Amino acid sequence: MIIYNVTTNIHESVHDQWMIWMQYKHIPEILATGKFSSARLVRVLIEEEMGGVTYSAQYTTDNKETLEKYYQEDAPGFREEGLKLFGDKMLAFRTELELIADF
């Protein structure tokens, strides 16, 4: 199992708008691509020197090939929308995780 993790720091001035967008539009639309079986949104419990609030959105998929298809077919449009809506009020970085075991 692969977890596609998007960690985002969002400025307080657009925080509420971003949360609504994430929960009711962005995450549902990513799941609607059919490339992920589940998603979770969690708050990162650290204070950033730059301010803002940090979250991790974690999307689960079966394999790296499906994630690559997402990158090619869907990701550019989703990233463009986020930049258009939040610009420099949002800083995101992405990581890929492979689940080894659940205990």
C-alpha atoms as a PDB file:
ATOM      1  CA  MET A   1       0.000   0.000   0.000  1.00  0.00           C
ATOM      2  CA  ILE A   2       1.205   3.495  -0.875  1.00  0.00           C
ATOM      3  CA  ILE A   3       0.300   6.641   1.060  1.00  0.00           C
ATOM      4  CA  TYR A   4       0.518   9.892  -0.859  1.00  0.00           C
ATOM      5  CA  ASN A   5       1.080  12.540   1.797  1.00  0.00           C
ATOM      6  CA  VAL A   6       0.585  16.253   1.167  1.00  0.00           C
ATOM      7  CA  THR A   7       1.747  18.442   4.043  1.00  0.00           C
ATOM      8  CA  THR A   8       0.399  21.977   3.838  1.00  0.00           C
ATOM      9  CA  ASN A   9       1.016  25.094   5.900  1.00  0.00           C
ATOM     10  CA  ILE A  10      -1.912  27.474   5.514  1.00  0.00           C
ATOM     11  CA  HIS A  11      -1.930  31.123   6.556  1.00  0.00           C
ATOM     12  CA  GLU A  12      -4.442  32.053   9.249  1.00  0.00           C
ATOM     13  CA  SER A  13      -6.105  34.646   6.989  1.00  0.00           C
ATOM     14  CA  VAL A  14      -7.415  31.916   4.632  1.00  0.00           C
ATOM     15  CA  HIS A  15      -7.529  29.007   7.073  1.00  0.00           C
ATOM     16  CA  ASP A  16     -11.309  28.665   7.333  1.00  0.00           C
ATOM     17  CA  GLN A  17     -11.819  28.984   3.567  1.00  0.00           C
ATOM     18  CA  TRP A  18      -9.086  26.368   2.968  1.00  0.00           C
ATOM     19  CA  MET A  19     -10.621  23.925   5.477  1.00  0.00           C
ATOM     20  CA  ILE A  20     -14.028  24.142   3.774  1.00  0.00           C
ATOM     21  CA  TRP A  21     -12.418  23.706   0.351  1.00  0.00           C
ATOM     22  CA  MET A  22     -10.360  20.716   1.507  1.00  0.00           C
ATOM     23  CA  GLN A  23     -13.194  18.858   3.238  1.00  0.00           C
ATOM     24  CA  TYR A  24     -16.064  19.539   0.856  1.00  0.00           C
ATOM     25  CA  LYS A  25     -14.399  19.950  -2.548  1.00  0.00           C
ATOM     26  CA  HIS A  26     -10.718  19.062  -2.885  1.00  0.00           C
ATOM     27  CA  ILE A  27     -10.497  15.742  -1.016  1.00  0.00           C
ATOM     28  CA  PRO A  28     -13.825  14.440  -2.409  1.00  0.00           C
ATOM     29  CA  GLU A  29     -12.687  15.319  -5.944  1.00  0.00           C
ATOM     30  CA  ILE A  30      -9.366  13.529  -5.481  1.00  0.00           C
ATOM     31  CA  LEU A  31     -11.200  10.436  -4.206  1.00  0.00           C
ATOM     32  CA  ALA A  32     -13.572  10.698  -7.181  1.00  0.00           C
ATOM     33  CA  THR A  33     -10.636  10.069  -9.545  1.00  0.00           C
ATOM     34  CA  GLY A  34     -10.900   6.429  -8.445  1.00  0.00           C
ATOM     35  CA  LYS A  35      -7.157   6.263  -7.849  1.00  0.00           C
ATOM     36  CA  PHE A  36      -7.319   6.330  -4.045  1.00  0.00           C
ATOM     37  CA  SER A  37      -9.244   4.076  -1.691  1.00  0.00           C
ATOM     38  CA  SER A  38      -9.304   6.444   1.287  1.00  0.00           C
ATOM     39  CA  ALA A  39      -8.124   9.792   2.586  1.00  0.00           C
ATOM     40  CA  ARG A  40      -7.508  11.372   5.936  1.00  0.00           C
ATOM     41  CA  LEU A  41      -6.830  14.941   7.004  1.00  0.00           C
ATOM     42  CA  VAL A  42      -4.809  15.469  10.181  1.00  0.00           C
ATOM     43  CA  ARG A  43      -3.408  18.511  11.922  1.00  0.00           C
ATOM     44  CA  VAL A  44       0.336  18.597  12.547  1.00  0.00           C
ATOM     45  CA  LEU A  45       0.874  19.436  16.207  1.00  0.00           C
ATOM     46  CA  ILE A  46       3.923  21.658  15.960  1.00  0.00           C
ATOM     47  CA  GLU A  47       4.309  25.412  16.011  1.00  0.00           C
ATOM     48  CA  GLU A  48       5.879  26.667  12.791  1.00  0.00           C
ATOM     49  CA  GLU A  49       8.316  29.581  13.057  1.00  0.00           C
ATOM     50  CA  MET A  50       6.715  31.055   9.929  1.00  0.00           C
ATOM     51  CA  GLY A  51       3.259  30.894  11.540  1.00  0.00           C
ATOM     52  CA  GLY A  52       0.171  29.388   9.987  1.00  0.00           C
ATOM     53  CA  VAL A  53      -1.369  26.018  10.690  1.00  0.00           C
ATOM     54  CA  THR A  54       0.022  22.798   9.234  1.00  0.00           C
ATOM     55  CA  TYR A  55      -1.999  19.809   8.052  1.00  0.00           C
ATOM     56  CA  SER A  56      -1.270  16.482   6.429  1.00  0.00           C
ATOM     57  CA  ALA A  57      -3.667  15.035   3.850  1.00  0.00           C
ATOM     58  CA  GLN A  58      -2.978  11.331   3.366  1.00  0.00           C
ATOM     59  CA  TYR A  59      -4.367   9.459   0.372  1.00  0.00           C
ATOM     60  CA  THR A  60      -4.123   5.659   0.185  1.00  0.00           C
ATOM     61  CA  THR A  61      -3.629   3.748  -3.054  1.00  0.00           C
ATOM     62  CA  ASP A  62      -2.722   0.157  -3.891  1.00  0.00           C
ATOM     63  CA  ASN A  63       0.477   0.705  -5.834  1.00  0.00           C
ATOM     64  CA  LYS A  64       3.022   3.143  -7.221  1.00  0.00           C
ATOM     65  CA  GLU A  65       1.704   2.752 -10.781  1.00  0.00           C
ATOM     66  CA  THR A  66      -1.706   4.113  -9.775  1.00  0.00           C
ATOM     67  CA  LEU A  67      -0.028   7.021  -8.019  1.00  0.00           C
ATOM     68  CA  GLU A  68       2.001   7.745 -11.165  1.00  0.00           C
ATOM     69  CA  LYS A  69      -1.234   7.798 -13.198  1.00  0.00           C
ATOM     70  CA  TYR A  70      -2.638  10.318 -10.706  1.00  0.00           C
ATOM     71  CA  TYR A  71       0.463  12.502 -11.166  1.00  0.00           C
ATOM     72  CA  GLN A  72       0.098  12.416 -14.942  1.00  0.00           C
ATOM     73  CA  GLU A  73      -3.674  12.668 -15.316  1.00  0.00           C
ATOM     74  CA  ASP A  74      -4.999  14.589 -12.315  1.00  0.00           C
ATOM     75  CA  ALA A  75      -2.391  16.291 -10.137  1.00  0.00           C
ATOM     76  CA  PRO A  76      -1.607  19.288 -12.381  1.00  0.00           C
ATOM     77  CA  GLY A  77      -5.217  20.491 -12.341  1.00  0.00           C
ATOM     78  CA  PHE A  78      -5.582  20.051  -8.590  1.00  0.00           C
ATOM     79  CA  ARG A  79      -2.327  21.895  -7.897  1.00  0.00           C
ATOM     80  CA  GLU A  80      -3.320  24.725 -10.226  1.00  0.00           C
ATOM     81  CA  GLU A  81      -6.651  25.156  -8.454  1.00  0.00           C
ATOM     82  CA  GLY A  82      -4.957  25.351  -5.040  1.00  0.00           C
ATOM     83  CA  LEU A  83      -2.494  27.950  -6.274  1.00  0.00           C
ATOM     84  CA  LYS A  84      -5.267  29.971  -7.902  1.00  0.00           C
ATOM     85  CA  LEU A  85      -7.362  29.992  -4.717  1.00  0.00           C
ATOM     86  CA  PHE A  86      -4.654  30.432  -2.063  1.00  0.00           C
ATOM     87  CA  GLY A  87      -1.447  31.506  -3.811  1.00  0.00           C
ATOM     88  CA  ASP A  88       1.369  32.326  -1.419  1.00  0.00           C
ATOM     89  CA  LYS A  89      -0.915  31.814   1.602  1.00  0.00           C
ATOM     90  CA  MET A  90      -0.401  28.061   1.152  1.00  0.00           C
ATOM     91  CA  LEU A  91       2.888  26.169   1.173  1.00  0.00           C
ATOM     92  CA  ALA A  92       2.727  22.446   0.371  1.00  0.00           C
ATOM     93  CA  PHE A  93       5.183  19.612  -0.034  1.00  0.00           C
ATOM     94  CA  ARG A  94       4.519  16.025  -0.987  1.00  0.00           C
ATOM     95  CA  THR A  95       5.962  12.696   0.123  1.00  0.00           C
ATOM     96  CA  GLU A  96       5.303   9.098  -0.835  1.00  0.00           C
ATOM     97  CA  LEU A  97       5.141   6.482   1.899  1.00  0.00           C
ATOM     98  CA  GLU A  98       5.055   2.714   1.616  1.00  0.00           C
ATOM     99  CA  LEU A  99       3.176   0.843   4.332  1.00  0.00           C
ATOM    100  CA  ILE A 100       5.337  -1.960   5.701  1.00  0.00           C
ATOM    101  CA  ALA A 101       3.057  -3.275   8.446  1.00  0.00           C
ATOM    102  CA  ASP A 102       0.115  -2.393  10.639  1.00  0.00           C
ATOM    103  CA  PHE A 103       0.362  -3.444  14.301  1.00  0.00           C
END
